[in-house]
Amino acid sequence: MAGMVVISTTAVPPHVRGALTRWMVEPQAGLYVGTMAARVRDRLWELVSESVEEGSAVCAHPTDNEQRFIVKTAGESRREVVDFDGLQLIRFIGVTDEEDDASTASPPPEEI
Protein backbone atom coordinates (compact mmCIF):
# COMPACT_ATOMS: atom_id res chain seq x y z
CA MET A 1 0.00 0.00 0.00
CA ALA A 2 1.31 3.45 -0.91
CA GLY A 3 1.75 6.10 1.74
CA MET A 4 2.47 9.81 1.82
CA VAL A 5 6.14 10.72 2.13
CA VAL A 6 7.61 14.13 2.99
CA ILE A 7 11.31 14.87 2.47
CA SER A 8 12.96 18.17 3.34
CA THR A 9 16.47 18.93 2.09
CA THR A 10 19.04 21.64 2.70
CA ALA A 11 22.13 22.22 0.54
CA VAL A 12 22.03 18.86 -1.25
CA PRO A 13 23.65 18.26 -4.66
CA PRO A 14 21.54 18.94 -7.78
CA HIS A 15 21.35 15.25 -8.75
CA VAL A 16 19.60 14.50 -5.45
CA ARG A 17 17.01 17.18 -6.15
CA GLY A 18 16.55 15.75 -9.64
CA ALA A 19 16.00 12.23 -8.31
CA LEU A 20 13.42 13.50 -5.81
CA THR A 21 11.46 15.47 -8.42
CA ARG A 22 11.05 12.34 -10.53
CA TRP A 23 8.88 10.80 -7.81
CA MET A 24 7.61 13.76 -5.81
CA VAL A 25 6.35 17.32 -6.21
CA GLU A 26 8.35 20.26 -4.83
CA PRO A 27 5.80 22.79 -3.47
CA GLN A 28 8.62 24.86 -1.94
CA ALA A 29 12.36 24.82 -2.51
CA GLY A 30 13.82 21.78 -0.75
CA LEU A 31 10.45 20.35 0.33
CA TYR A 32 9.22 17.24 -1.49
CA VAL A 33 5.85 15.53 -1.07
CA GLY A 34 4.59 12.38 -2.73
CA THR A 35 2.73 9.11 -2.43
CA MET A 36 4.69 5.97 -3.21
CA ALA A 37 5.21 2.35 -2.30
CA ALA A 38 7.50 1.55 0.62
CA ARG A 39 10.05 -0.05 -1.70
CA VAL A 40 10.36 3.12 -3.79
CA ARG A 41 10.47 5.30 -0.66
CA ASP A 42 13.23 3.23 0.92
CA ARG A 43 15.33 3.21 -2.25
CA LEU A 44 14.86 6.96 -2.71
CA TRP A 45 15.82 7.66 0.92
CA GLU A 46 18.88 5.42 0.52
CA LEU A 47 19.97 7.53 -2.47
CA VAL A 48 19.35 10.79 -0.58
CA SER A 49 21.13 9.72 2.61
CA GLU A 50 24.17 8.42 0.70
CA SER A 51 24.45 11.58 -1.43
CA VAL A 52 23.68 14.36 1.06
CA GLU A 53 27.38 15.40 1.27
CA GLU A 54 27.58 18.64 3.32
CA GLY A 55 23.81 19.21 3.33
CA SER A 56 21.06 17.58 5.36
CA ALA A 57 17.76 15.83 4.79
CA VAL A 58 14.74 14.71 6.80
CA CYS A 59 12.17 12.11 5.76
CA ALA A 60 8.80 11.52 7.43
CA HIS A 61 6.41 8.75 6.43
CA PRO A 62 3.61 6.69 7.96
CA THR A 63 4.38 3.47 9.80
CA ASP A 64 2.72 1.13 12.26
CA ASN A 65 3.78 2.60 15.61
CA GLU A 66 2.22 4.68 18.39
CA GLN A 67 2.84 7.99 16.60
CA ARG A 68 1.74 6.56 13.22
CA PHE A 69 4.82 8.03 11.51
CA ILE A 70 8.60 7.79 11.56
CA VAL A 71 11.27 10.45 11.05
CA LYS A 72 14.67 9.72 9.49
CA THR A 73 17.56 12.16 9.16
CA ALA A 74 20.78 12.32 7.14
CA GLY A 75 23.68 14.77 7.22
CA GLU A 76 24.74 17.30 9.82
CA SER A 77 22.00 19.08 11.74
CA ARG A 78 21.51 20.73 15.11
CA ARG A 79 18.45 18.55 15.61
CA GLU A 80 18.54 14.82 16.19
CA VAL A 81 15.83 12.22 16.49
CA VAL A 82 15.91 10.34 19.79
CA ASP A 83 13.82 7.40 20.94
CA PHE A 84 12.03 8.01 24.23
CA ASP A 85 10.15 4.89 25.33
CA GLY A 86 9.09 4.14 21.77
CA LEU A 87 8.28 7.74 20.83
CA GLN A 88 10.46 9.71 18.48
CA LEU A 89 11.31 13.12 19.87
CA ILE A 90 13.58 15.84 18.51
CA ARG A 91 16.54 16.99 20.58
CA PHE A 92 18.05 20.37 19.77
CA ILE A 93 21.83 20.29 20.03
CA GLY A 94 23.03 23.62 21.38
CA VAL A 95 26.25 25.39 20.50
CA THR A 96 29.15 24.39 22.75
CA ASP A 97 31.18 27.04 24.56
CA GLU A 98 34.16 26.41 22.25
CA GLU A 99 32.07 26.85 19.09
CA ASP A 100 30.42 29.95 20.57
CA ASP A 101 33.78 31.48 21.54
CA ALA A 102 35.23 30.79 18.08
CA SER A 103 32.28 32.33 16.24
CA THR A 104 32.13 35.50 18.37
CA ALA A 105 35.84 36.05 18.94
CA SER A 106 37.35 39.02 17.19
CA PRO A 107 40.22 38.36 14.81
CA PRO A 108 43.74 38.79 16.19
CA PRO A 109 45.14 42.29 15.87
CA GLU A 110 47.45 42.91 12.93
CA GLU A 111 51.06 43.55 13.69
CA ILE A 112 52.42 46.92 12.66
C-alpha atoms as a PDB file:
ATOM      1  CA  MET A   1       0.000   0.000   0.000  1.00  0.00           C
ATOM      2  CA  ALA A   2       1.309   3.446  -0.910  1.00  0.00           C
ATOM      3  CA  GLY A   3       1.754   6.098   1.742  1.00  0.00           C
ATOM      4  CA  MET A   4       2.469   9.807   1.816  1.00  0.00           C
ATOM      5  CA  VAL A   5       6.141  10.720   2.127  1.00  0.00           C
ATOM      6  CA  VAL A   6       7.614  14.127   2.989  1.00  0.00           C
ATOM      7  CA  ILE A   7      11.311  14.872   2.474  1.00  0.00           C
ATOM      8  CA  SER A   8      12.964  18.165   3.335  1.00  0.00           C
ATOM      9  CA  THR A   9      16.471  18.931   2.087  1.00  0.00           C
ATOM     10  CA  THR A  10      19.044  21.644   2.704  1.00  0.00           C
ATOM     11  CA  ALA A  11      22.125  22.216   0.539  1.00  0.00           C
ATOM     12  CA  VAL A  12      22.032  18.859  -1.247  1.00  0.00           C
ATOM     13  CA  PRO A  13      23.654  18.262  -4.664  1.00  0.00           C
ATOM     14  CA  PRO A  14      21.544  18.942  -7.776  1.00  0.00           C
ATOM     15  CA  HIS A  15      21.353  15.251  -8.752  1.00  0.00           C
ATOM     16  CA  VAL A  16      19.601  14.499  -5.447  1.00  0.00           C
ATOM     17  CA  ARG A  17      17.009  17.180  -6.151  1.00  0.00           C
ATOM     18  CA  GLY A  18      16.548  15.753  -9.636  1.00  0.00           C
ATOM     19  CA  ALA A  19      15.996  12.234  -8.312  1.00  0.00           C
ATOM     20  CA  LEU A  20      13.421  13.496  -5.810  1.00  0.00           C
ATOM     21  CA  THR A  21      11.456  15.471  -8.416  1.00  0.00           C
ATOM     22  CA  ARG A  22      11.049  12.338 -10.529  1.00  0.00           C
ATOM     23  CA  TRP A  23       8.878  10.803  -7.814  1.00  0.00           C
ATOM     24  CA  MET A  24       7.605  13.761  -5.807  1.00  0.00           C
ATOM     25  CA  VAL A  25       6.349  17.322  -6.209  1.00  0.00           C
ATOM     26  CA  GLU A  26       8.345  20.255  -4.828  1.00  0.00           C
ATOM     27  CA  PRO A  27       5.803  22.795  -3.469  1.00  0.00           C
ATOM     28  CA  GLN A  28       8.617  24.857  -1.940  1.00  0.00           C
ATOM     29  CA  ALA A  29      12.360  24.823  -2.506  1.00  0.00           C
ATOM     30  CA  GLY A  30      13.824  21.782  -0.754  1.00  0.00           C
ATOM     31  CA  LEU A  31      10.451  20.348   0.333  1.00  0.00           C
ATOM     32  CA  TYR A  32       9.218  17.240  -1.495  1.00  0.00           C
ATOM     33  CA  VAL A  33       5.845  15.526  -1.071  1.00  0.00           C
ATOM     34  CA  GLY A  34       4.586  12.381  -2.734  1.00  0.00           C
ATOM     35  CA  THR A  35       2.725   9.108  -2.426  1.00  0.00           C
ATOM     36  CA  MET A  36       4.690   5.974  -3.205  1.00  0.00           C
ATOM     37  CA  ALA A  37       5.213   2.354  -2.297  1.00  0.00           C
ATOM     38  CA  ALA A  38       7.496   1.547   0.624  1.00  0.00           C
ATOM     39  CA  ARG A  39      10.048  -0.050  -1.699  1.00  0.00           C
ATOM     40  CA  VAL A  40      10.362   3.120  -3.793  1.00  0.00           C
ATOM     41  CA  ARG A  41      10.474   5.296  -0.659  1.00  0.00           C
ATOM     42  CA  ASP A  42      13.230   3.226   0.924  1.00  0.00           C
ATOM     43  CA  ARG A  43      15.334   3.213  -2.251  1.00  0.00           C
ATOM     44  CA  LEU A  44      14.857   6.964  -2.707  1.00  0.00           C
ATOM     45  CA  TRP A  45      15.824   7.656   0.921  1.00  0.00           C
ATOM     46  CA  GLU A  46      18.881   5.423   0.523  1.00  0.00           C
ATOM     47  CA  LEU A  47      19.965   7.528  -2.467  1.00  0.00           C
ATOM     48  CA  VAL A  48      19.354  10.789  -0.579  1.00  0.00           C
ATOM     49  CA  SER A  49      21.132   9.721   2.611  1.00  0.00           C
ATOM     50  CA  GLU A  50      24.169   8.421   0.699  1.00  0.00           C
ATOM     51  CA  SER A  51      24.448  11.583  -1.431  1.00  0.00           C
ATOM     52  CA  VAL A  52      23.676  14.359   1.058  1.00  0.00           C
ATOM     53  CA  GLU A  53      27.384  15.400   1.272  1.00  0.00           C
ATOM     54  CA  GLU A  54      27.580  18.639   3.319  1.00  0.00           C
ATOM     55  CA  GLY A  55      23.813  19.212   3.329  1.00  0.00           C
ATOM     56  CA  SER A  56      21.060  17.577   5.356  1.00  0.00           C
ATOM     57  CA  ALA A  57      17.755  15.831   4.788  1.00  0.00           C
ATOM     58  CA  VAL A  58      14.740  14.713   6.799  1.00  0.00           C
ATOM     59  CA  CYS A  59      12.172  12.108   5.757  1.00  0.00           C
ATOM     60  CA  ALA A  60       8.796  11.522   7.431  1.00  0.00           C
ATOM     61  CA  HIS A  61       6.412   8.751   6.425  1.00  0.00           C
ATOM     62  CA  PRO A  62       3.614   6.694   7.957  1.00  0.00           C
ATOM     63  CA  THR A  63       4.378   3.474   9.796  1.00  0.00           C
ATOM     64  CA  ASP A  64       2.720   1.128  12.259  1.00  0.00           C
ATOM     65  CA  ASN A  65       3.779   2.599  15.615  1.00  0.00           C
ATOM     66  CA  GLU A  66       2.218   4.675  18.391  1.00  0.00           C
ATOM     67  CA  GLN A  67       2.835   7.988  16.595  1.00  0.00           C
ATOM     68  CA  ARG A  68       1.736   6.557  13.221  1.00  0.00           C
ATOM     69  CA  PHE A  69       4.823   8.029  11.507  1.00  0.00           C
ATOM     70  CA  ILE A  70       8.605   7.787  11.563  1.00  0.00           C
ATOM     71  CA  VAL A  71      11.268  10.453  11.050  1.00  0.00           C
ATOM     72  CA  LYS A  72      14.672   9.717   9.495  1.00  0.00           C
ATOM     73  CA  THR A  73      17.565  12.156   9.155  1.00  0.00           C
ATOM     74  CA  ALA A  74      20.784  12.321   7.143  1.00  0.00           C
ATOM     75  CA  GLY A  75      23.684  14.769   7.223  1.00  0.00           C
ATOM     76  CA  GLU A  76      24.740  17.303   9.820  1.00  0.00           C
ATOM     77  CA  SER A  77      22.001  19.077  11.741  1.00  0.00           C
ATOM     78  CA  ARG A  78      21.513  20.731  15.114  1.00  0.00           C
ATOM     79  CA  ARG A  79      18.450  18.555  15.609  1.00  0.00           C
ATOM     80  CA  GLU A  80      18.544  14.825  16.186  1.00  0.00           C
ATOM     81  CA  VAL A  81      15.831  12.221  16.494  1.00  0.00           C
ATOM     82  CA  VAL A  82      15.909  10.339  19.786  1.00  0.00           C
ATOM     83  CA  ASP A  83      13.816   7.395  20.936  1.00  0.00           C
ATOM     84  CA  PHE A  84      12.029   8.009  24.233  1.00  0.00           C
ATOM     85  CA  ASP A  85      10.149   4.890  25.325  1.00  0.00           C
ATOM     86  CA  GLY A  86       9.092   4.142  21.767  1.00  0.00           C
ATOM     87  CA  LEU A  87       8.282   7.735  20.832  1.00  0.00           C
ATOM     88  CA  GLN A  88      10.464   9.711  18.477  1.00  0.00           C
ATOM     89  CA  LEU A  89      11.311  13.122  19.873  1.00  0.00           C
ATOM     90  CA  ILE A  90      13.579  15.840  18.506  1.00  0.00           C
ATOM     91  CA  ARG A  91      16.536  16.994  20.580  1.00  0.00           C
ATOM     92  CA  PHE A  92      18.054  20.369  19.774  1.00  0.00           C
ATOM     93  CA  ILE A  93      21.828  20.289  20.034  1.00  0.00           C
ATOM     94  CA  GLY A  94      23.034  23.622  21.384  1.00  0.00           C
ATOM     95  CA  VAL A  95      26.249  25.393  20.504  1.00  0.00           C
ATOM     96  CA  THR A  96      29.153  24.392  22.746  1.00  0.00           C
ATOM     97  CA  ASP A  97      31.177  27.041  24.557  1.00  0.00           C
ATOM     98  CA  GLU A  98      34.164  26.406  22.254  1.00  0.00           C
ATOM     99  CA  GLU A  99      32.067  26.854  19.090  1.00  0.00           C
ATOM    100  CA  ASP A 100      30.420  29.948  20.565  1.00  0.00           C
ATOM    101  CA  ASP A 101      33.782  31.484  21.538  1.00  0.00           C
ATOM    102  CA  ALA A 102      35.233  30.793  18.084  1.00  0.00           C
ATOM    103  CA  SER A 103      32.283  32.331  16.245  1.00  0.00           C
ATOM    104  CA  THR A 104      32.129  35.500  18.371  1.00  0.00           C
ATOM    105  CA  ALA A 105      35.839  36.055  18.943  1.00  0.00           C
ATOM    106  CA  SER A 106      37.353  39.020  17.189  1.00  0.00           C
ATOM    107  CA  PRO A 107      40.220  38.362  14.809  1.00  0.00           C
ATOM    108  CA  PRO A 108      43.736  38.786  16.195  1.00  0.00           C
ATOM    109  CA  PRO A 109      45.137  42.291  15.870  1.00  0.00           C
ATOM    110  CA  GLU A 110      47.448  42.908  12.933  1.00  0.00           C
ATOM    111  CA  GLU A 111      51.061  43.549  13.685  1.00  0.00           C
ATOM    112  CA  ILE A 112      52.425  46.918  12.663  1.00  0.00           C
END
